[in-house]
């Protein structure tokens, strides 16, 4: 398993959310899912409404800005497993931004893999 470092955390923190979002969208659309489903998953996780989300998609905000404004869902602790070589539940609290980013990517992975929305949204 990969180990999170301060450098990796900082690297993610500085990336623009709007520059990464099209990659998320492309990934799920190739697998027959929709932008509406992607936005629903991200909104569930972050607490952002559609207008707030669109401003991040179209703006220059970094992942640090994005997650500082987010209200992470109370069931986010239920998101477990491995994504990008990292076991989510083993990422230390000091790297919360990195962990939250990986949790969101895990949800997007599940969407791309065809998992049912109610399972993705940890109902």
N, C-alpha and C. Protein backbone atom coordinates (compact mmCIF):
# COMPACT_ATOMS: atom_id res chain seq x y z
N UNK A 1 0.84 -1.19 0.00
CA UNK A 1 0.00 0.00 0.00
C UNK A 1 0.87 1.25 0.00
N UNK A 2 0.39 2.27 -0.66
CA UNK A 2 1.12 3.52 -0.69
C UNK A 2 1.06 4.23 0.65
N UNK A 3 2.03 5.08 0.88
CA UNK A 3 2.04 5.87 2.11
C UNK A 3 1.88 7.33 1.74
N UNK A 4 0.97 7.98 2.42
CA UNK A 4 0.72 9.40 2.16
C UNK A 4 1.82 10.22 2.81
N UNK A 5 2.32 11.18 2.07
CA UNK A 5 3.35 12.07 2.60
C UNK A 5 2.81 13.50 2.57
N UNK A 6 3.49 14.38 3.29
CA UNK A 6 3.10 15.80 3.28
C UNK A 6 3.18 16.35 1.86
N UNK A 7 4.17 15.86 1.07
CA UNK A 7 4.33 16.34 -0.31
C UNK A 7 3.11 15.94 -1.16
N UNK A 8 2.66 14.69 -1.02
CA UNK A 8 1.49 14.25 -1.79
C UNK A 8 0.25 15.02 -1.38
N UNK A 9 0.10 15.25 -0.08
CA UNK A 9 -1.04 16.01 0.43
C UNK A 9 -1.02 17.42 -0.17
N UNK A 10 0.15 18.05 -0.19
CA UNK A 10 0.30 19.41 -0.72
C UNK A 10 0.06 19.45 -2.23
N UNK A 11 0.52 18.42 -2.91
CA UNK A 11 0.33 18.33 -4.37
C UNK A 11 -1.16 18.32 -4.71
N UNK A 12 -1.93 17.51 -4.00
CA UNK A 12 -3.38 17.46 -4.21
C UNK A 12 -4.00 18.81 -3.83
N UNK A 13 -3.57 19.36 -2.71
CA UNK A 13 -4.14 20.63 -2.21
C UNK A 13 -4.05 21.73 -3.26
N UNK A 14 -2.98 21.74 -4.04
CA UNK A 14 -2.73 22.82 -5.00
C UNK A 14 -3.40 22.60 -6.35
N UNK A 15 -3.86 21.38 -6.62
CA UNK A 15 -4.49 21.10 -7.91
C UNK A 15 -5.84 21.81 -8.01
N UNK A 16 -6.17 22.25 -9.20
CA UNK A 16 -7.45 22.91 -9.45
C UNK A 16 -8.55 21.85 -9.62
N UNK A 17 -9.62 22.00 -8.83
CA UNK A 17 -10.75 21.08 -8.95
C UNK A 17 -11.32 21.10 -10.37
N UNK A 18 -11.45 22.31 -10.92
CA UNK A 18 -12.02 22.46 -12.27
C UNK A 18 -11.21 21.78 -13.35
N UNK A 19 -9.90 21.62 -13.13
CA UNK A 19 -9.06 20.96 -14.14
C UNK A 19 -9.16 19.44 -14.05
N UNK A 20 -9.56 18.92 -12.90
CA UNK A 20 -9.65 17.46 -12.70
C UNK A 20 -11.06 16.95 -13.01
N UNK A 21 -12.06 17.79 -12.76
CA UNK A 21 -13.46 17.38 -12.95
C UNK A 21 -13.72 16.77 -14.33
N UNK A 22 -13.22 17.36 -15.45
CA UNK A 22 -13.48 16.74 -16.76
C UNK A 22 -12.97 15.29 -16.86
N UNK A 23 -11.91 14.97 -16.12
CA UNK A 23 -11.39 13.59 -16.12
C UNK A 23 -12.38 12.66 -15.40
N UNK A 24 -12.94 13.16 -14.29
CA UNK A 24 -13.97 12.38 -13.59
C UNK A 24 -15.15 12.13 -14.52
N UNK A 25 -15.58 13.20 -15.19
CA UNK A 25 -16.75 13.12 -16.08
C UNK A 25 -16.50 12.15 -17.23
N UNK A 26 -15.35 12.27 -17.85
CA UNK A 26 -15.00 11.39 -18.96
C UNK A 26 -15.01 9.93 -18.50
N UNK A 27 -14.44 9.68 -17.35
CA UNK A 27 -14.34 8.32 -16.82
C UNK A 27 -15.73 7.69 -16.63
N UNK A 28 -16.64 8.44 -16.04
CA UNK A 28 -17.95 7.84 -15.77
C UNK A 28 -18.82 7.77 -17.03
N UNK A 29 -18.68 8.75 -17.93
CA UNK A 29 -19.46 8.73 -19.17
C UNK A 29 -19.05 7.57 -20.06
N UNK A 30 -17.76 7.22 -20.06
CA UNK A 30 -17.30 6.05 -20.84
C UNK A 30 -17.97 4.77 -20.36
N UNK A 31 -18.43 4.80 -19.11
CA UNK A 31 -19.07 3.63 -18.52
C UNK A 31 -20.60 3.79 -18.43
N UNK A 32 -21.14 4.72 -19.24
CA UNK A 32 -22.59 4.83 -19.36
C UNK A 32 -23.28 5.59 -18.24
N UNK A 33 -22.53 6.29 -17.42
CA UNK A 33 -23.15 7.10 -16.36
C UNK A 33 -23.22 8.54 -16.82
N UNK A 34 -23.95 9.38 -16.07
CA UNK A 34 -24.22 10.75 -16.52
C UNK A 34 -23.58 11.80 -15.60
N UNK A 35 -23.47 13.02 -16.14
CA UNK A 35 -22.99 14.16 -15.36
C UNK A 35 -23.89 14.37 -14.15
N UNK A 36 -25.19 14.20 -14.32
CA UNK A 36 -26.13 14.38 -13.21
C UNK A 36 -25.81 13.40 -12.08
N UNK A 37 -25.50 12.15 -12.44
CA UNK A 37 -25.14 11.17 -11.42
C UNK A 37 -23.83 11.54 -10.73
N UNK A 38 -22.85 11.97 -11.52
CA UNK A 38 -21.56 12.37 -10.95
C UNK A 38 -21.75 13.54 -9.99
N UNK A 39 -22.49 14.55 -10.43
CA UNK A 39 -22.72 15.72 -9.59
C UNK A 39 -23.50 15.34 -8.33
N UNK A 40 -24.43 14.42 -8.45
CA UNK A 40 -25.20 13.94 -7.30
C UNK A 40 -24.26 13.30 -6.27
N UNK A 41 -23.35 12.47 -6.72
CA UNK A 41 -22.40 11.79 -5.83
C UNK A 41 -21.49 12.81 -5.14
N UNK A 42 -20.94 13.75 -5.92
CA UNK A 42 -20.04 14.76 -5.34
C UNK A 42 -20.81 15.65 -4.36
N UNK A 43 -22.03 16.03 -4.72
CA UNK A 43 -22.85 16.87 -3.84
C UNK A 43 -23.19 16.14 -2.54
N UNK A 44 -23.53 14.87 -2.64
CA UNK A 44 -23.81 14.06 -1.44
C UNK A 44 -22.60 14.09 -0.51
N UNK A 45 -21.42 13.87 -1.07
CA UNK A 45 -20.19 13.78 -0.27
C UNK A 45 -19.81 15.12 0.34
N UNK A 46 -19.96 16.21 -0.42
CA UNK A 46 -19.43 17.51 0.00
C UNK A 46 -20.46 18.46 0.61
N UNK A 47 -21.74 18.20 0.38
CA UNK A 47 -22.78 19.11 0.85
C UNK A 47 -23.01 20.31 -0.05
N UNK A 48 -22.30 20.38 -1.19
CA UNK A 48 -22.49 21.50 -2.11
C UNK A 48 -23.78 21.33 -2.90
N UNK A 49 -24.49 22.44 -3.15
CA UNK A 49 -25.62 22.39 -4.06
C UNK A 49 -25.08 22.52 -5.49
N UNK A 50 -25.96 22.40 -6.47
CA UNK A 50 -25.51 22.39 -7.87
C UNK A 50 -24.81 23.70 -8.26
N UNK A 51 -25.34 24.84 -7.80
CA UNK A 51 -24.71 26.12 -8.14
C UNK A 51 -23.30 26.22 -7.56
N UNK A 52 -23.14 25.80 -6.31
CA UNK A 52 -21.82 25.82 -5.68
C UNK A 52 -20.86 24.90 -6.44
N UNK A 53 -21.35 23.71 -6.78
CA UNK A 53 -20.52 22.75 -7.50
C UNK A 53 -20.10 23.30 -8.86
N UNK A 54 -21.04 23.90 -9.58
CA UNK A 54 -20.72 24.47 -10.89
C UNK A 54 -19.66 25.57 -10.77
N UNK A 55 -19.71 26.35 -9.71
CA UNK A 55 -18.71 27.41 -9.55
C UNK A 55 -17.32 26.81 -9.34
N UNK A 56 -17.23 25.67 -8.66
CA UNK A 56 -15.94 24.98 -8.52
C UNK A 56 -15.49 24.37 -9.86
N UNK A 57 -16.45 23.79 -10.59
CA UNK A 57 -16.13 23.17 -11.88
C UNK A 57 -15.60 24.22 -12.86
N UNK A 58 -16.20 25.39 -12.84
CA UNK A 58 -15.85 26.44 -13.81
C UNK A 58 -14.80 27.43 -13.29
N UNK A 59 -14.41 27.30 -12.04
CA UNK A 59 -13.50 28.26 -11.44
C UNK A 59 -12.07 27.76 -11.33
N UNK A 60 -11.30 28.50 -10.57
CA UNK A 60 -9.87 28.20 -10.40
C UNK A 60 -9.56 27.64 -9.01
N UNK A 61 -10.58 27.36 -8.22
CA UNK A 61 -10.37 26.91 -6.84
C UNK A 61 -9.57 25.61 -6.80
N UNK A 62 -8.72 25.50 -5.80
CA UNK A 62 -7.92 24.29 -5.60
C UNK A 62 -8.73 23.26 -4.81
N UNK A 63 -8.21 22.04 -4.75
CA UNK A 63 -8.83 21.03 -3.91
C UNK A 63 -8.83 21.46 -2.44
N UNK A 64 -7.79 22.21 -2.04
CA UNK A 64 -7.75 22.73 -0.66
C UNK A 64 -8.95 23.64 -0.44
N UNK A 65 -9.21 24.57 -1.36
CA UNK A 65 -10.38 25.46 -1.26
C UNK A 65 -11.66 24.63 -1.23
N UNK A 66 -11.73 23.68 -2.15
CA UNK A 66 -12.91 22.84 -2.31
C UNK A 66 -13.25 22.12 -1.01
N UNK A 67 -12.26 21.45 -0.42
CA UNK A 67 -12.54 20.67 0.78
C UNK A 67 -12.66 21.55 2.03
N UNK A 68 -12.05 22.73 2.03
CA UNK A 68 -12.24 23.63 3.17
C UNK A 68 -13.68 24.12 3.26
N UNK A 69 -14.33 24.28 2.10
CA UNK A 69 -15.72 24.75 2.09
C UNK A 69 -16.73 23.61 2.19
N UNK A 70 -16.28 22.40 1.94
CA UNK A 70 -17.20 21.24 1.94
C UNK A 70 -17.67 20.91 3.35
N UNK A 71 -18.87 20.34 3.42
CA UNK A 71 -19.40 19.77 4.65
C UNK A 71 -19.53 18.26 4.39
N UNK A 72 -18.47 17.54 4.72
CA UNK A 72 -18.41 16.11 4.39
C UNK A 72 -19.56 15.36 5.06
N UNK A 73 -20.21 14.51 4.28
CA UNK A 73 -21.40 13.77 4.74
C UNK A 73 -21.10 12.94 5.98
N UNK A 74 -22.07 12.88 6.89
CA UNK A 74 -21.89 12.14 8.14
C UNK A 74 -21.65 10.65 7.92
N UNK A 75 -22.06 10.11 6.78
CA UNK A 75 -21.82 8.68 6.50
C UNK A 75 -20.53 8.43 5.72
N UNK A 76 -19.72 9.45 5.55
CA UNK A 76 -18.47 9.31 4.78
C UNK A 76 -17.53 8.28 5.41
N UNK A 77 -17.66 8.07 6.72
CA UNK A 77 -16.81 7.06 7.38
C UNK A 77 -17.07 5.65 6.84
N UNK A 78 -18.20 5.48 6.16
CA UNK A 78 -18.56 4.17 5.59
C UNK A 78 -17.84 3.90 4.26
N UNK A 79 -17.14 4.91 3.74
CA UNK A 79 -16.40 4.74 2.48
C UNK A 79 -15.05 4.13 2.83
N UNK A 80 -14.89 2.87 2.41
CA UNK A 80 -13.68 2.14 2.75
C UNK A 80 -13.14 1.48 1.49
N UNK A 81 -11.93 0.95 1.61
CA UNK A 81 -11.35 0.20 0.50
C UNK A 81 -10.10 0.87 -0.03
N UNK A 82 -9.65 0.34 -1.16
CA UNK A 82 -8.40 0.79 -1.76
C UNK A 82 -8.71 1.61 -3.02
N UNK A 83 -8.05 2.75 -3.12
CA UNK A 83 -8.16 3.57 -4.33
C UNK A 83 -6.77 4.13 -4.61
N UNK A 84 -6.33 4.00 -5.84
CA UNK A 84 -5.01 4.49 -6.26
C UNK A 84 -3.88 3.95 -5.37
N UNK A 85 -4.03 2.72 -4.89
CA UNK A 85 -2.99 2.09 -4.08
C UNK A 85 -2.98 2.50 -2.62
N UNK A 86 -4.02 3.22 -2.18
CA UNK A 86 -4.11 3.64 -0.78
C UNK A 86 -5.34 3.04 -0.14
N UNK A 87 -5.19 2.48 1.05
CA UNK A 87 -6.35 2.01 1.81
C UNK A 87 -6.89 3.24 2.55
N UNK A 88 -8.08 3.66 2.16
CA UNK A 88 -8.67 4.91 2.65
C UNK A 88 -8.68 5.00 4.17
N UNK A 89 -9.11 3.92 4.81
CA UNK A 89 -9.27 3.98 6.27
C UNK A 89 -7.94 4.02 7.02
N UNK A 90 -6.83 3.85 6.31
CA UNK A 90 -5.50 3.92 6.94
C UNK A 90 -4.80 5.25 6.70
N UNK A 91 -5.44 6.17 5.97
CA UNK A 91 -4.83 7.48 5.72
C UNK A 91 -4.98 8.31 7.01
N UNK A 92 -3.85 8.78 7.58
CA UNK A 92 -3.89 9.49 8.86
C UNK A 92 -4.68 10.81 8.81
N UNK A 93 -5.20 11.19 9.97
CA UNK A 93 -5.99 12.42 10.12
C UNK A 93 -5.23 13.66 9.65
N UNK A 94 -3.91 13.67 9.83
CA UNK A 94 -3.12 14.84 9.42
C UNK A 94 -3.20 15.07 7.91
N UNK A 95 -3.60 14.04 7.17
CA UNK A 95 -3.76 14.16 5.72
C UNK A 95 -5.24 14.06 5.33
N UNK A 96 -6.09 14.73 6.11
CA UNK A 96 -7.54 14.67 5.89
C UNK A 96 -7.93 15.10 4.48
N UNK A 97 -7.25 16.12 3.95
CA UNK A 97 -7.58 16.58 2.60
C UNK A 97 -7.32 15.47 1.58
N UNK A 98 -6.18 14.82 1.71
CA UNK A 98 -5.83 13.72 0.80
C UNK A 98 -6.83 12.58 0.95
N UNK A 99 -7.18 12.27 2.20
CA UNK A 99 -8.13 11.19 2.48
C UNK A 99 -9.50 11.52 1.88
N UNK A 100 -9.96 12.77 2.07
CA UNK A 100 -11.26 13.14 1.52
C UNK A 100 -11.26 13.07 -0.01
N UNK A 101 -10.16 13.48 -0.62
CA UNK A 101 -10.05 13.40 -2.06
C UNK A 101 -10.13 11.94 -2.53
N UNK A 102 -9.44 11.05 -1.84
CA UNK A 102 -9.48 9.62 -2.19
C UNK A 102 -10.85 9.02 -1.94
N UNK A 103 -11.53 9.47 -0.89
CA UNK A 103 -12.90 8.98 -0.64
C UNK A 103 -13.81 9.38 -1.79
N UNK A 104 -13.67 10.63 -2.24
CA UNK A 104 -14.50 11.09 -3.35
C UNK A 104 -14.17 10.29 -4.61
N UNK A 105 -12.89 10.01 -4.83
CA UNK A 105 -12.50 9.21 -5.99
C UNK A 105 -13.04 7.78 -5.89
N UNK A 106 -13.12 7.24 -4.68
CA UNK A 106 -13.69 5.91 -4.48
C UNK A 106 -15.17 5.90 -4.89
N UNK A 107 -15.90 6.95 -4.52
CA UNK A 107 -17.31 7.06 -4.93
C UNK A 107 -17.43 7.14 -6.45
N UNK A 108 -16.53 7.91 -7.07
CA UNK A 108 -16.55 8.06 -8.53
C UNK A 108 -16.20 6.73 -9.19
N UNK A 109 -15.26 5.99 -8.62
CA UNK A 109 -14.92 4.63 -9.11
C UNK A 109 -16.15 3.73 -9.07
N UNK A 110 -16.86 3.77 -7.95
CA UNK A 110 -18.05 2.93 -7.81
C UNK A 110 -19.10 3.30 -8.84
N UNK A 111 -19.26 4.59 -9.10
CA UNK A 111 -20.20 5.06 -10.12
C UNK A 111 -19.79 4.52 -11.49
N UNK A 112 -18.51 4.64 -11.81
CA UNK A 112 -18.00 4.17 -13.10
C UNK A 112 -18.17 2.66 -13.25
N UNK A 113 -18.09 1.94 -12.15
CA UNK A 113 -18.19 0.47 -12.20
C UNK A 113 -19.63 -0.02 -12.19
N UNK A 114 -20.58 0.92 -12.20
CA UNK A 114 -21.98 0.53 -12.33
C UNK A 114 -22.70 0.22 -11.03
N UNK A 115 -22.11 0.57 -9.91
CA UNK A 115 -22.76 0.32 -8.62
C UNK A 115 -24.04 1.14 -8.54
N UNK A 116 -25.04 0.61 -7.86
CA UNK A 116 -26.31 1.31 -7.70
C UNK A 116 -26.13 2.57 -6.84
N UNK A 117 -26.85 3.64 -7.20
CA UNK A 117 -26.71 4.92 -6.49
C UNK A 117 -26.95 4.79 -4.99
N UNK A 118 -27.97 4.03 -4.59
CA UNK A 118 -28.24 3.95 -3.14
C UNK A 118 -27.10 3.30 -2.37
N UNK A 119 -26.34 2.42 -3.04
CA UNK A 119 -25.14 1.82 -2.41
C UNK A 119 -24.01 2.85 -2.35
N UNK A 120 -23.82 3.57 -3.46
CA UNK A 120 -22.76 4.59 -3.50
C UNK A 120 -23.01 5.64 -2.42
N UNK A 121 -24.25 6.04 -2.26
CA UNK A 121 -24.60 7.10 -1.31
C UNK A 121 -24.78 6.58 0.11
N UNK A 122 -24.35 5.35 0.36
CA UNK A 122 -24.29 4.76 1.69
C UNK A 122 -25.59 4.92 2.46
N UNK A 123 -26.71 4.52 1.77
CA UNK A 123 -28.03 4.64 2.41
C UNK A 123 -28.30 3.44 3.28
